[in-house]
Protein backbone atom coordinates (compact mmCIF):
# COMPACT_ATOMS: atom_id res chain seq x y z
CA MET A 1 -16.79 -12.50 41.51
CA PRO A 2 -13.54 -14.11 42.70
CA LEU A 3 -10.62 -11.87 43.63
CA TRP A 4 -8.26 -13.47 41.12
CA LEU A 5 -10.68 -12.74 38.27
CA ILE A 6 -10.98 -9.10 39.30
CA LEU A 7 -7.17 -8.82 39.46
CA ILE A 8 -6.78 -10.32 36.00
CA VAL A 9 -9.37 -7.96 34.50
CA VAL A 10 -7.79 -4.91 36.19
CA GLY A 11 -4.33 -6.03 35.06
CA VAL A 12 -5.45 -6.39 31.45
CA VAL A 13 -7.08 -2.96 31.49
CA LEU A 14 -3.99 -1.31 33.00
CA ALA A 15 -1.68 -3.06 30.55
CA VAL A 16 -3.81 -2.02 27.54
CA VAL A 17 -4.03 1.58 28.76
CA GLY A 18 -0.27 1.59 29.39
CA PHE A 19 0.50 0.25 25.92
CA GLY A 20 -1.90 2.85 24.54
CA GLY A 21 0.65 5.50 25.44
CA VAL A 22 -0.64 6.74 28.79
CA GLY A 23 2.44 5.66 30.70
CA ASN A 24 5.17 3.13 31.08
CA LEU A 25 4.34 2.72 34.77
CA LEU A 26 0.83 1.49 33.97
CA ILE A 27 2.28 -1.31 31.84
CA TRP A 28 4.36 -2.62 34.74
CA ILE A 29 1.50 -2.25 37.24
CA GLY A 30 -0.76 -4.14 34.83
CA VAL A 31 1.78 -6.93 34.38
CA ILE A 32 2.30 -7.26 38.13
CA VAL A 33 -1.46 -7.40 38.76
CA LEU A 34 -1.84 -10.00 35.99
CA VAL A 35 0.87 -12.19 37.52
CA VAL A 36 -0.65 -11.91 41.00
CA GLY A 37 -4.08 -12.79 39.61
CA ALA A 38 -2.69 -15.78 37.73
CA VAL A 39 -0.87 -17.05 40.83
CA LEU A 40 -4.02 -16.68 42.94
CA ALA A 41 -6.00 -18.56 40.28
CA LEU A 42 -3.51 -21.43 40.28
CA VAL A 43 -3.35 -21.58 44.08
CA GLY A 44 -7.13 -21.50 44.33
CA ARG A 45 -7.47 -24.27 41.75
CA SER A 46 -4.96 -26.51 43.53
CA ARG A 47 -6.82 -26.23 46.83
CA VAL A 48 -10.05 -27.62 45.38
């Protein structure tokens, strides 16, 4: 499984858990991981 896909999945899970009321920090960590995963996906796609 590609790294960018793992990062996107982890980011979504953290964001959902954060919005579920567990913590505000988890929301921001999830958003950051989602952005990093999206950037890696775009960079990987442009290389091919």
